[in-house]
Amino acid sequence: MKKKMKKRKQTKKKIRKKIKKKIPKIKLKKRKVLIVSKKKNKKTLGLRKAVKIKFQSFVEAYNSFREKRAIKRLKGEKEKLIEKEKKLKEKQKRLQESQKQEGIIQPEEGK
């Protein structure tokens, strides 16, 4: 009976040892694979990212150029509006002066 007990204990120990040994190995393998795959993903850049990095300075320069161009255009439009307003005021003054002169002259002719 003691032999049977010893055999059972030994077989249980062997099985437990085998199970314990197998489980950590599998976990380590999975971790290594994940680590390697993460490193591979970090090394390879997509085409879009590579182009973005290369031409970043050109993009910034072009954006500043567009902003300056828009500011110039707005200033030009503002100046044109001011000039148009001045011309309209001058025309209105001329019309009023001409109407006054005609109005003054017409009653004198009518008398």
PDB file of N, CA and C in Angstrom:
ATOM      1  N   MET A   1       0.799  -1.182   0.000  1.00  0.00           N
ATOM      2  CA  MET A   1       0.000   0.000   0.000  1.00  0.00           C
ATOM      3  C   MET A   1       0.850   1.259   0.000  1.00  0.00           C
ATOM      4  N   LYS A   2       1.902   1.230   0.677  1.00  0.00           N
ATOM      5  CA  LYS A   2       2.788   2.376   0.718  1.00  0.00           C
ATOM      6  C   LYS A   2       3.369   2.645  -0.657  1.00  0.00           C
ATOM      7  N   LYS A   3       3.646   1.598  -1.370  1.00  0.00           N
ATOM      8  CA  LYS A   3       4.194   1.763  -2.717  1.00  0.00           C
ATOM      9  C   LYS A   3       3.195   2.456  -3.629  1.00  0.00           C
ATOM     10  N   LYS A   4       1.941   2.070  -3.529  1.00  0.00           N
ATOM     11  CA  LYS A   4       0.911   2.688  -4.340  1.00  0.00           C
ATOM     12  C   LYS A   4       0.768   4.170  -4.008  1.00  0.00           C
ATOM     13  N   MET A   5       0.819   4.470  -2.767  1.00  0.00           N
ATOM     14  CA  MET A   5       0.722   5.860  -2.323  1.00  0.00           C
ATOM     15  C   MET A   5       1.906   6.664  -2.822  1.00  0.00           C
ATOM     16  N   LYS A   6       3.041   6.071  -2.734  1.00  0.00           N
ATOM     17  CA  LYS A   6       4.237   6.762  -3.199  1.00  0.00           C
ATOM     18  C   LYS A   6       4.167   6.978  -4.706  1.00  0.00           C
ATOM     19  N   LYS A   7       3.703   5.992  -5.419  1.00  0.00           N
ATOM     20  CA  LYS A   7       3.588   6.109  -6.874  1.00  0.00           C
ATOM     21  C   LYS A   7       2.597   7.212  -7.233  1.00  0.00           C
ATOM     22  N   ARG A   8       1.499   7.216  -6.529  1.00  0.00           N
ATOM     23  CA  ARG A   8       0.492   8.251  -6.802  1.00  0.00           C
ATOM     24  C   ARG A   8       1.056   9.645  -6.524  1.00  0.00           C
ATOM     25  N   LYS A   9       1.761   9.749  -5.401  1.00  0.00           N
ATOM     26  CA  LYS A   9       2.354  11.042  -5.063  1.00  0.00           C
ATOM     27  C   LYS A   9       3.391  11.436  -6.098  1.00  0.00           C
ATOM     28  N   GLN A  10       4.170  10.477  -6.508  1.00  0.00           N
ATOM     29  CA  GLN A  10       5.210  10.763  -7.497  1.00  0.00           C
ATOM     30  C   GLN A  10       4.588  11.150  -8.837  1.00  0.00           C
ATOM     31  N   THR A  11       3.576  10.423  -9.251  1.00  0.00           N
ATOM     32  CA  THR A  11       2.946  10.744 -10.525  1.00  0.00           C
ATOM     33  C   THR A  11       2.264  12.104 -10.451  1.00  0.00           C
ATOM     34  N   LYS A  12       1.631  12.407  -9.350  1.00  0.00           N
ATOM     35  CA  LYS A  12       1.002  13.711  -9.188  1.00  0.00           C
ATOM     36  C   LYS A  12       2.040  14.825  -9.218  1.00  0.00           C
ATOM     37  N   LYS A  13       3.156  14.582  -8.560  1.00  0.00           N
ATOM     38  CA  LYS A  13       4.228  15.586  -8.554  1.00  0.00           C
ATOM     39  C   LYS A  13       4.777  15.783  -9.944  1.00  0.00           C
ATOM     40  N   LYS A  14       4.979  14.692 -10.661  1.00  0.00           N
ATOM     41  CA  LYS A  14       5.504  14.784 -12.017  1.00  0.00           C
ATOM     42  C   LYS A  14       4.533  15.546 -12.912  1.00  0.00           C
ATOM     43  N   ILE A  15       3.273  15.227 -12.797  1.00  0.00           N
ATOM     44  CA  ILE A  15       2.266  15.906 -13.614  1.00  0.00           C
ATOM     45  C   ILE A  15       2.233  17.389 -13.262  1.00  0.00           C
ATOM     46  N   ARG A  16       2.258  17.696 -11.991  1.00  0.00           N
ATOM     47  CA  ARG A  16       2.237  19.101 -11.574  1.00  0.00           C
ATOM     48  C   ARG A  16       3.464  19.837 -12.076  1.00  0.00           C
ATOM     49  N   LYS A  17       4.612  19.181 -11.978  1.00  0.00           N
ATOM     50  CA  LYS A  17       5.844  19.800 -12.463  1.00  0.00           C
ATOM     51  C   LYS A  17       5.751  20.041 -13.959  1.00  0.00           C
ATOM     52  N   LYS A  18       5.237  19.070 -14.696  1.00  0.00           N
ATOM     53  CA  LYS A  18       5.106  19.218 -16.143  1.00  0.00           C
ATOM     54  C   LYS A  18       4.154  20.364 -16.480  1.00  0.00           C
ATOM     55  N   ILE A  19       3.058  20.425 -15.779  1.00  0.00           N
ATOM     56  CA  ILE A  19       2.081  21.479 -16.026  1.00  0.00           C
ATOM     57  C   ILE A  19       2.689  22.845 -15.695  1.00  0.00           C
ATOM     58  N   LYS A  20       3.362  22.926 -14.584  1.00  0.00           N
ATOM     59  CA  LYS A  20       3.963  24.191 -14.187  1.00  0.00           C
ATOM     60  C   LYS A  20       5.032  24.621 -15.186  1.00  0.00           C
ATOM     61  N   LYS A  21       5.768  23.669 -15.668  1.00  0.00           N
ATOM     62  CA  LYS A  21       6.825  24.010 -16.614  1.00  0.00           C
ATOM     63  C   LYS A  21       6.240  24.444 -17.947  1.00  0.00           C
ATOM     64  N   LYS A  22       5.212  23.789 -18.384  1.00  0.00           N
ATOM     65  CA  LYS A  22       4.633  24.094 -19.689  1.00  0.00           C
ATOM     66  C   LYS A  22       3.957  25.465 -19.703  1.00  0.00           C
ATOM     67  N   ILE A  23       3.233  25.787 -18.715  1.00  0.00           N
ATOM     68  CA  ILE A  23       2.467  27.036 -18.696  1.00  0.00           C
ATOM     69  C   ILE A  23       3.371  28.268 -18.786  1.00  0.00           C
ATOM     70  N   PRO A  24       4.412  28.377 -17.985  1.00  0.00           N
ATOM     71  CA  PRO A  24       5.257  29.555 -18.111  1.00  0.00           C
ATOM     72  C   PRO A  24       5.950  29.650 -19.479  1.00  0.00           C
ATOM     73  N   LYS A  25       6.312  28.541 -20.045  1.00  0.00           N
ATOM     74  CA  LYS A  25       6.970  28.576 -21.347  1.00  0.00           C
ATOM     75  C   LYS A  25       6.041  29.138 -22.404  1.00  0.00           C
ATOM     76  N   ILE A  26       4.809  28.715 -22.373  1.00  0.00           N
ATOM     77  CA  ILE A  26       3.843  29.201 -23.353  1.00  0.00           C
ATOM     78  C   ILE A  26       3.640  30.704 -23.180  1.00  0.00           C
ATOM     79  N   LYS A  27       3.517  31.135 -21.956  1.00  0.00           N
ATOM     80  CA  LYS A  27       3.317  32.554 -21.695  1.00  0.00           C
ATOM     81  C   LYS A  27       4.521  33.372 -22.156  1.00  0.00           C
ATOM     82  N   LEU A  28       5.713  32.865 -21.924  1.00  0.00           N
ATOM     83  CA  LEU A  28       6.902  33.581 -22.351  1.00  0.00           C
ATOM     84  C   LEU A  28       6.964  33.684 -23.854  1.00  0.00           C
ATOM     85  N   LYS A  29       6.613  32.623 -24.529  1.00  0.00           N
ATOM     86  CA  LYS A  29       6.638  32.647 -25.984  1.00  0.00           C
ATOM     87  C   LYS A  29       5.657  33.692 -26.510  1.00  0.00           C
ATOM     88  N   LYS A  30       4.484  33.739 -25.950  1.00  0.00           N
ATOM     89  CA  LYS A  30       3.491  34.711 -26.403  1.00  0.00           C
ATOM     90  C   LYS A  30       3.993  36.133 -26.164  1.00  0.00           C
ATOM     91  N   ARG A  31       4.592  36.370 -25.049  1.00  0.00           N
ATOM     92  CA  ARG A  31       5.096  37.707 -24.748  1.00  0.00           C
ATOM     93  C   ARG A  31       6.189  38.107 -25.718  1.00  0.00           C
ATOM     94  N   LYS A  32       7.086  37.169 -26.002  1.00  0.00           N
ATOM     95  CA  LYS A  32       8.159  37.488 -26.943  1.00  0.00           C
ATOM     96  C   LYS A  32       7.596  37.824 -28.306  1.00  0.00           C
ATOM     97  N   VAL A  33       6.622  37.076 -28.745  1.00  0.00           N
ATOM     98  CA  VAL A  33       6.013  37.323 -30.045  1.00  0.00           C
ATOM     99  C   VAL A  33       5.359  38.698 -30.058  1.00  0.00           C
ATOM    100  N   LEU A  34       4.658  39.044 -28.999  1.00  0.00           N
ATOM    101  CA  LEU A  34       4.010  40.344 -28.927  1.00  0.00           C
ATOM    102  C   LEU A  34       5.040  41.467 -28.937  1.00  0.00           C
ATOM    103  N   ILE A  35       6.115  41.290 -28.200  1.00  0.00           N
ATOM    104  CA  ILE A  35       7.151  42.319 -28.144  1.00  0.00           C
ATOM    105  C   ILE A  35       7.789  42.506 -29.513  1.00  0.00           C
ATOM    106  N   VAL A  36       8.068  41.409 -30.180  1.00  0.00           N
ATOM    107  CA  VAL A  36       8.684  41.482 -31.507  1.00  0.00           C
ATOM    108  C   VAL A  36       7.731  42.144 -32.495  1.00  0.00           C
ATOM    109  N   SER A  37       6.453  41.792 -32.436  1.00  0.00           N
ATOM    110  CA  SER A  37       5.494  42.388 -33.360  1.00  0.00           C
ATOM    111  C   SER A  37       5.339  43.886 -33.104  1.00  0.00           C
ATOM    112  N   LYS A  38       5.396  44.303 -31.842  1.00  0.00           N
ATOM    113  CA  LYS A  38       5.306  45.733 -31.534  1.00  0.00           C
ATOM    114  C   LYS A  38       6.506  46.484 -32.091  1.00  0.00           C
ATOM    115  N   LYS A  39       7.677  45.888 -31.970  1.00  0.00           N
ATOM    116  CA  LYS A  39       8.872  46.539 -32.490  1.00  0.00           C
ATOM    117  C   LYS A  39       8.809  46.665 -33.998  1.00  0.00           C
ATOM    118  N   LYS A  40       8.313  45.644 -34.664  1.00  0.00           N
ATOM    119  CA  LYS A  40       8.197  45.694 -36.119  1.00  0.00           C
ATOM    120  C   LYS A  40       7.239  46.799 -36.534  1.00  0.00           C
ATOM    121  N   ASN A  41       6.136  46.912 -35.831  1.00  0.00           N
ATOM    122  CA  ASN A  41       5.160  47.944 -36.155  1.00  0.00           C
ATOM    123  C   ASN A  41       5.737  49.338 -35.964  1.00  0.00           C
ATOM    124  N   LYS A  42       6.569  49.521 -34.973  1.00  0.00           N
ATOM    125  CA  LYS A  42       7.149  50.835 -34.733  1.00  0.00           C
ATOM    126  C   LYS A  42       8.184  51.201 -35.783  1.00  0.00           C
ATOM    127  N   LYS A  43       8.900  50.230 -36.283  1.00  0.00           N
ATOM    128  CA  LYS A  43       9.957  50.511 -37.241  1.00  0.00           C
ATOM    129  C   LYS A  43       9.398  50.954 -38.586  1.00  0.00           C
ATOM    130  N   THR A  44       8.350  50.338 -39.052  1.00  0.00           N
ATOM    131  CA  THR A  44       7.817  50.652 -40.372  1.00  0.00           C
ATOM    132  C   THR A  44       6.861  51.825 -40.280  1.00  0.00           C
ATOM    133  N   LEU A  45       7.164  52.857 -41.006  1.00  0.00           N
ATOM    134  CA  LEU A  45       6.291  54.021 -41.086  1.00  0.00           C
ATOM    135  C   LEU A  45       5.459  53.914 -42.347  1.00  0.00           C
ATOM    136  N   GLY A  46       4.252  54.400 -42.265  1.00  0.00           N
ATOM    137  CA  GLY A  46       3.409  54.419 -43.439  1.00  0.00           C
ATOM    138  C   GLY A  46       3.883  55.501 -44.399  1.00  0.00           C
ATOM    139  N   LEU A  47       3.465  55.386 -45.621  1.00  0.00           N
ATOM    140  CA  LEU A  47       3.857  56.360 -46.641  1.00  0.00           C
ATOM    141  C   LEU A  47       3.388  57.757 -46.270  1.00  0.00           C
ATOM    142  N   ARG A  48       2.170  57.851 -45.771  1.00  0.00           N
ATOM    143  CA  ARG A  48       1.604  59.153 -45.411  1.00  0.00           C
ATOM    144  C   ARG A  48       2.429  59.822 -44.313  1.00  0.00           C
ATOM    145  N   LYS A  49       2.816  59.043 -43.294  1.00  0.00           N
ATOM    146  CA  LYS A  49       3.594  59.610 -42.195  1.00  0.00           C
ATOM    147  C   LYS A  49       4.984  60.022 -42.665  1.00  0.00           C
ATOM    148  N   ALA A  50       5.581  59.205 -43.522  1.00  0.00           N
ATOM    149  CA  ALA A  50       6.923  59.519 -44.007  1.00  0.00           C
ATOM    150  C   ALA A  50       6.903  60.819 -44.809  1.00  0.00           C
ATOM    151  N   VAL A  51       5.908  60.961 -45.674  1.00  0.00           N
ATOM    152  CA  VAL A  51       5.796  62.183 -46.487  1.00  0.00           C
ATOM    153  C   VAL A  51       5.519  63.382 -45.593  1.00  0.00           C
ATOM    154  N   LYS A  52       4.683  63.183 -44.586  1.00  0.00           N
ATOM    155  CA  LYS A  52       4.352  64.276 -43.668  1.00  0.00           C
ATOM    156  C   LYS A  52       5.597  64.774 -42.945  1.00  0.00           C
ATOM    157  N   ILE A  53       6.418  63.852 -42.506  1.00  0.00           N
ATOM    158  CA  ILE A  53       7.638  64.230 -41.795  1.00  0.00           C
ATOM    159  C   ILE A  53       8.604  64.951 -42.723  1.00  0.00           C
ATOM    160  N   LYS A  54       8.744  64.444 -43.944  1.00  0.00           N
ATOM    161  CA  LYS A  54       9.703  65.026 -44.886  1.00  0.00           C
ATOM    162  C   LYS A  54       9.308  66.443 -45.295  1.00  0.00           C
ATOM    163  N   PHE A  55       8.027  66.640 -45.563  1.00  0.00           N
ATOM    164  CA  PHE A  55       7.580  67.914 -46.111  1.00  0.00           C
ATOM    165  C   PHE A  55       6.925  68.828 -45.087  1.00  0.00           C
ATOM    166  N   GLN A  56       7.160  68.590 -43.829  1.00  0.00           N
ATOM    167  CA  GLN A  56       6.529  69.384 -42.778  1.00  0.00           C
ATOM    168  C   GLN A  56       6.936  70.859 -42.865  1.00  0.00           C
ATOM    169  N   SER A  57       8.199  71.141 -43.134  1.00  0.00           N
ATOM    170  CA  SER A  57       8.644  72.530 -43.211  1.00  0.00           C
ATOM    171  C   SER A  57       8.017  73.241 -44.408  1.00  0.00           C
ATOM    172  N   PHE A  58       7.875  72.516 -45.523  1.00  0.00           N
ATOM    173  CA  PHE A  58       7.244  73.117 -46.701  1.00  0.00           C
ATOM    174  C   PHE A  58       5.778  73.432 -46.431  1.00  0.00           C
ATOM    175  N   VAL A  59       5.119  72.553 -45.735  1.00  0.00           N
ATOM    176  CA  VAL A  59       3.705  72.758 -45.420  1.00  0.00           C
ATOM    177  C   VAL A  59       3.540  73.986 -44.536  1.00  0.00           C
ATOM    178  N   GLU A  60       4.392  74.123 -43.530  1.00  0.00           N
ATOM    179  CA  GLU A  60       4.309  75.290 -42.642  1.00  0.00           C
ATOM    180  C   GLU A  60       4.570  76.581 -43.408  1.00  0.00           C
ATOM    181  N   ALA A  61       5.552  76.565 -44.297  1.00  0.00           N
ATOM    182  CA  ALA A  61       5.867  77.758 -45.081  1.00  0.00           C
ATOM    183  C   ALA A  61       4.692  78.116 -45.980  1.00  0.00           C
ATOM    184  N   TYR A  62       4.083  77.125 -46.607  1.00  0.00           N
ATOM    185  CA  TYR A  62       2.958  77.386 -47.502  1.00  0.00           C
ATOM    186  C   TYR A  62       1.763  77.925 -46.722  1.00  0.00           C
ATOM    187  N   ASN A  63       1.529  77.380 -45.529  1.00  0.00           N
ATOM    188  CA  ASN A  63       0.419  77.878 -44.707  1.00  0.00           C
ATOM    189  C   ASN A  63       0.624  79.344 -44.325  1.00  0.00           C
ATOM    190  N   SER A  64       1.837  79.719 -43.960  1.00  0.00           N
ATOM    191  CA  SER A  64       2.093  81.114 -43.607  1.00  0.00           C
ATOM    192  C   SER A  64       1.933  81.999 -44.848  1.00  0.00           C
ATOM    193  N   PHE A  65       2.354  81.509 -46.010  1.00  0.00           N
ATOM    194  CA  PHE A  65       2.192  82.260 -47.258  1.00  0.00           C
ATOM    195  C   PHE A  65       0.718  82.480 -47.552  1.00  0.00           C
ATOM    196  N   ARG A  66      -0.118  81.440 -47.370  1.00  0.00           N
ATOM    197  CA  ARG A  66      -1.550  81.576 -47.628  1.00  0.00           C
ATOM    198  C   ARG A  66      -2.181  82.595 -46.696  1.00  0.00           C
ATOM    199  N   GLU A  67      -1.776  82.602 -45.434  1.00  0.00           N
ATOM    200  CA  GLU A  67      -2.319  83.566 -44.479  1.00  0.00           C
ATOM    201  C   GLU A  67      -1.954  84.988 -44.882  1.00  0.00           C
ATOM    202  N   LYS A  68      -0.699  85.207 -45.264  1.00  0.00           N
ATOM    203  CA  LYS A  68      -0.272  86.550 -45.680  1.00  0.00           C
ATOM    204  C   LYS A  68      -1.026  86.998 -46.924  1.00  0.00           C
ATOM    205  N   ARG A  69      -1.210  86.072 -47.869  1.00  0.00           N
ATOM    206  CA  ARG A  69      -1.927  86.405 -49.098  1.00  0.00           C
ATOM    207  C   ARG A  69      -3.367  86.784 -48.789  1.00  0.00           C
ATOM    208  N   ALA A  70      -3.999  86.061 -47.871  1.00  0.00           N
ATOM    209  CA  ALA A  70      -5.379  86.365 -47.503  1.00  0.00           C
ATOM    210  C   ALA A  70      -5.462  87.736 -46.838  1.00  0.00           C
ATOM    211  N   ILE A  71      -4.497  88.069 -45.992  1.00  0.00           N
ATOM    212  CA  ILE A  71      -4.474  89.375 -45.328  1.00  0.00           C
ATOM    213  C   ILE A  71      -4.317  90.490 -46.353  1.00  0.00           C
ATOM    214  N   LYS A  72      -3.430  90.308 -47.321  1.00  0.00           N
ATOM    215  CA  LYS A  72      -3.245  91.317 -48.364  1.00  0.00           C
ATOM    216  C   LYS A  72      -4.532  91.514 -49.154  1.00  0.00           C
ATOM    217  N   ARG A  73      -5.193  90.400 -49.483  1.00  0.00           N
ATOM    218  CA  ARG A  73      -6.427  90.489 -50.261  1.00  0.00           C
ATOM    219  C   ARG A  73      -7.488  91.264 -49.486  1.00  0.00           C
ATOM    220  N   LEU A  74      -7.604  90.995 -48.206  1.00  0.00           N
ATOM    221  CA  LEU A  74      -8.598  91.690 -47.390  1.00  0.00           C
ATOM    222  C   LEU A  74      -8.291  93.183 -47.276  1.00  0.00           C
ATOM    223  N   LYS A  75      -7.010  93.515 -47.131  1.00  0.00           N
ATOM    224  CA  LYS A  75      -6.631  94.929 -47.068  1.00  0.00           C
ATOM    225  C   LYS A  75      -6.963  95.636 -48.374  1.00  0.00           C
ATOM    226  N   GLY A  76      -6.672  94.959 -49.485  1.00  0.00           N
ATOM    227  CA  GLY A  76      -6.982  95.541 -50.793  1.00  0.00           C
ATOM    228  C   GLY A  76      -8.472  95.780 -50.958  1.00  0.00           C
ATOM    229  N   GLU A  77      -9.286  94.824 -50.549  1.00  0.00           N
ATOM    230  CA  GLU A  77     -10.734  94.982 -50.646  1.00  0.00           C
ATOM    231  C   GLU A  77     -11.214  96.133 -49.764  1.00  0.00           C
ATOM    232  N   LYS A  78     -10.632  96.272 -48.602  1.00  0.00           N
ATOM    233  CA  LYS A  78     -11.011  97.350 -47.691  1.00  0.00           C
ATOM    234  C   LYS A  78     -10.712  98.711 -48.320  1.00  0.00           C
ATOM    235  N   GLU A  79      -9.521  98.830 -48.906  1.00  0.00           N
ATOM    236  CA  GLU A  79      -9.139 100.086 -49.550  1.00  0.00           C
ATOM    237  C   GLU A  79     -10.066 100.411 -50.711  1.00  0.00           C
ATOM    238  N   LYS A  80     -10.429  99.397 -51.490  1.00  0.00           N
ATOM    239  CA  LYS A  80     -11.343  99.618 -52.619  1.00  0.00           C
ATOM    240  C   LYS A  80     -12.700 100.096 -52.130  1.00  0.00           C
ATOM    241  N   LEU A  81     -13.191  99.522 -51.047  1.00  0.00           N
ATOM    242  CA  LEU A  81     -14.478  99.951 -50.501  1.00  0.00           C
ATOM    243  C   LEU A  81     -14.412 101.399 -50.029  1.00  0.00           C
ATOM    244  N   ILE A  82     -13.320 101.769 -49.385  1.00  0.00           N
ATOM    245  CA  ILE A  82     -13.157 103.148 -48.918  1.00  0.00           C
ATOM    246  C   ILE A  82     -13.144 104.103 -50.099  1.00  0.00           C
ATOM    247  N   GLU A  83     -12.432 103.738 -51.163  1.00  0.00           N
ATOM    248  CA  GLU A  83     -12.381 104.591 -52.352  1.00  0.00           C
ATOM    249  C   GLU A  83     -13.758 104.729 -52.991  1.00  0.00           C
ATOM    250  N   LYS A  84     -14.509 103.628 -53.063  1.00  0.00           N
ATOM    251  CA  LYS A  84     -15.848 103.684 -53.649  1.00  0.00           C
ATOM    252  C   LYS A  84     -16.758 104.594 -52.834  1.00  0.00           C
ATOM    253  N   GLU A  85     -16.660 104.503 -51.509  1.00  0.00           N
ATOM    254  CA  GLU A  85     -17.472 105.357 -50.651  1.00  0.00           C
ATOM    255  C   GLU A  85     -17.137 106.830 -50.868  1.00  0.00           C
ATOM    256  N   LYS A  86     -15.855 107.132 -50.995  1.00  0.00           N
ATOM    257  CA  LYS A  86     -15.448 108.522 -51.244  1.00  0.00           C
ATOM    258  C   LYS A  86     -15.995 109.012 -52.572  1.00  0.00           C
ATOM    259  N   LYS A  87     -15.911 108.190 -53.600  1.00  0.00           N
ATOM    260  CA  LYS A  87     -16.422 108.578 -54.924  1.00  0.00           C
ATOM    261  C   LYS A  87     -17.925 108.807 -54.880  1.00  0.00           C
ATOM    262  N   LEU A  88     -18.639 107.929 -54.161  1.00  0.00           N
ATOM    263  CA  LEU A  88     -20.086 108.106 -54.047  1.00  0.00           C
ATOM    264  C   LEU A  88     -20.431 109.413 -53.341  1.00  0.00           C
ATOM    265  N   LYS A  89     -19.695 109.714 -52.268  1.00  0.00           N
ATOM    266  CA  LYS A  89     -19.941 110.964 -51.551  1.00  0.00           C
ATOM    267  C   LYS A  89     -19.675 112.167 -52.459  1.00  0.00           C
ATOM    268  N   GLU A  90     -18.600 112.108 -53.228  1.00  0.00           N
ATOM    269  CA  GLU A  90     -18.287 113.218 -54.145  1.00  0.00           C
ATOM    270  C   GLU A  90     -19.379 113.373 -55.191  1.00  0.00           C
ATOM    271  N   LYS A  91     -19.870 112.268 -55.728  1.00  0.00           N
ATOM    272  CA  LYS A  91     -20.941 112.342 -56.719  1.00  0.00           C
ATOM    273  C   LYS A  91     -22.205 112.939 -56.121  1.00  0.00           C
ATOM    274  N   GLN A  92     -22.511 112.518 -54.897  1.00  0.00           N
ATOM    275  CA  GLN A  92     -23.702 113.052 -54.242  1.00  0.00           C
ATOM    276  C   GLN A  92     -23.569 114.556 -54.002  1.00  0.00           C
ATOM    277  N   LYS A  93     -22.369 114.979 -53.602  1.00  0.00           N
ATOM    278  CA  LYS A  93     -22.145 116.416 -53.409  1.00  0.00           C
ATOM    279  C   LYS A  93     -22.311 117.169 -54.717  1.00  0.00           C
ATOM    280  N   ARG A  94     -21.751 116.629 -55.788  1.00  0.00           N
ATOM    281  CA  ARG A  94     -21.877 117.288 -57.109  1.00  0.00           C
ATOM    282  C   ARG A  94     -23.334 117.371 -57.534  1.00  0.00           C
ATOM    283  N   LEU A  95     -24.077 116.277 -57.326  1.00  0.00           N
ATOM    284  CA  LEU A  95     -25.491 116.287 -57.701  1.00  0.00           C
ATOM    285  C   LEU A  95     -26.261 117.325 -56.882  1.00  0.00           C
ATOM    286  N   GLN A  96     -25.957 117.389 -55.580  1.00  0.00           N
ATOM    287  CA  GLN A  96     -26.639 118.365 -54.741  1.00  0.00           C
ATOM    288  C   GLN A  96     -26.294 119.782 -55.176  1.00  0.00           C
ATOM    289  N   GLU A  97     -25.027 120.015 -55.494  1.00  0.00           N
ATOM    290  CA  GLU A  97     -24.624 121.359 -55.944  1.00  0.00           C
ATOM    291  C   GLU A  97     -25.284 121.702 -57.273  1.00  0.00           C
ATOM    292  N   SER A  98     -25.314 120.746 -58.169  1.00  0.00           N
ATOM    293  CA  SER A  98     -25.934 121.014 -59.470  1.00  0.00           C
ATOM    294  C   SER A  98     -27.438 121.235 -59.302  1.00  0.00           C
ATOM    295  N   GLN A  99     -28.082 120.505 -58.427  1.00  0.00           N
ATOM    296  CA  GLN A  99     -29.510 120.690 -58.196  1.00  0.00           C
ATOM    297  C   GLN A  99     -29.777 122.048 -57.560  1.00  0.00           C
ATOM    298  N   LYS A 100     -28.898 122.484 -56.658  1.00  0.00           N
ATOM    299  CA  LYS A 100     -29.054 123.792 -56.037  1.00  0.00           C
ATOM    300  C   LYS A 100     -28.915 124.885 -57.085  1.00  0.00           C
ATOM    301  N   GLN A 101     -27.903 124.732 -57.942  1.00  0.00           N
ATOM    302  CA  GLN A 101     -27.696 125.748 -58.978  1.00  0.00           C
ATOM    303  C   GLN A 101     -28.869 125.760 -59.945  1.00  0.00           C
ATOM    304  N   GLU A 102     -29.353 124.623 -60.356  1.00  0.00           N
ATOM    305  CA  GLU A 102     -30.494 124.554 -61.249  1.00  0.00           C
ATOM    306  C   GLU A 102     -31.743 125.096 -60.568  1.00  0.00           C
ATOM    307  N   GLY A 103     -31.857 124.745 -59.283  1.00  0.00           N
ATOM    308  CA  GLY A 103     -33.022 125.215 -58.534  1.00  0.00           C
ATOM    309  C   GLY A 103     -32.975 126.728 -58.389  1.00  0.00           C
ATOM    310  N   ILE A 104     -31.828 127.298 -58.188  1.00  0.00           N
ATOM    311  CA  ILE A 104     -31.694 128.734 -58.053  1.00  0.00           C
ATOM    312  C   ILE A 104     -31.910 129.390 -59.406  1.00  0.00           C
ATOM    313  N   ILE A 105     -31.372 128.839 -60.418  1.00  0.00           N
ATOM    314  CA  ILE A 105     -31.458 129.417 -61.757  1.00  0.00           C
ATOM    315  C   ILE A 105     -32.892 129.299 -62.295  1.00  0.00           C
ATOM    316  N   GLN A 106     -33.567 128.203 -62.109  1.00  0.00           N
ATOM    317  CA  GLN A 106     -34.897 127.996 -62.666  1.00  0.00           C
ATOM    318  C   GLN A 106     -35.905 129.014 -62.142  1.00  0.00           C
ATOM    319  N   PRO A 107     -35.956 129.299 -60.832  1.00  0.00           N
ATOM    320  CA  PRO A 107     -36.941 130.294 -60.409  1.00  0.00           C
ATOM    321  C   PRO A 107     -36.637 131.667 -60.981  1.00  0.00           C
ATOM    322  N   GLU A 108     -35.386 132.010 -61.212  1.00  0.00           N
ATOM    323  CA  GLU A 108     -35.052 133.296 -61.775  1.00  0.00           C
ATOM    324  C   GLU A 108     -35.508 133.374 -63.211  1.00  0.00           C
ATOM    325  N   GLU A 109     -35.382 132.277 -63.939  1.00  0.00           N
ATOM    326  CA  GLU A 109     -35.826 132.261 -65.331  1.00  0.00           C
ATOM    327  C   GLU A 109     -37.342 132.336 -65.416  1.00  0.00           C
ATOM    328  N   GLY A 110     -37.991 131.671 -64.469  1.00  0.00           N
ATOM    329  CA  GLY A 110     -39.444 131.642 -64.468  1.00  0.00           C
ATOM    330  C   GLY A 110     -40.016 133.027 -64.167  1.00  0.00           C
ATOM    331  N   LYS A 111     -39.344 133.903 -63.481  1.00  0.00           N
ATOM    332  CA  LYS A 111     -39.842 135.224 -63.115  1.00  0.00           C
ATOM    333  C   LYS A 111     -39.775 136.089 -64.262  1.00  0.00           C
TER     334      LYS A 111
END
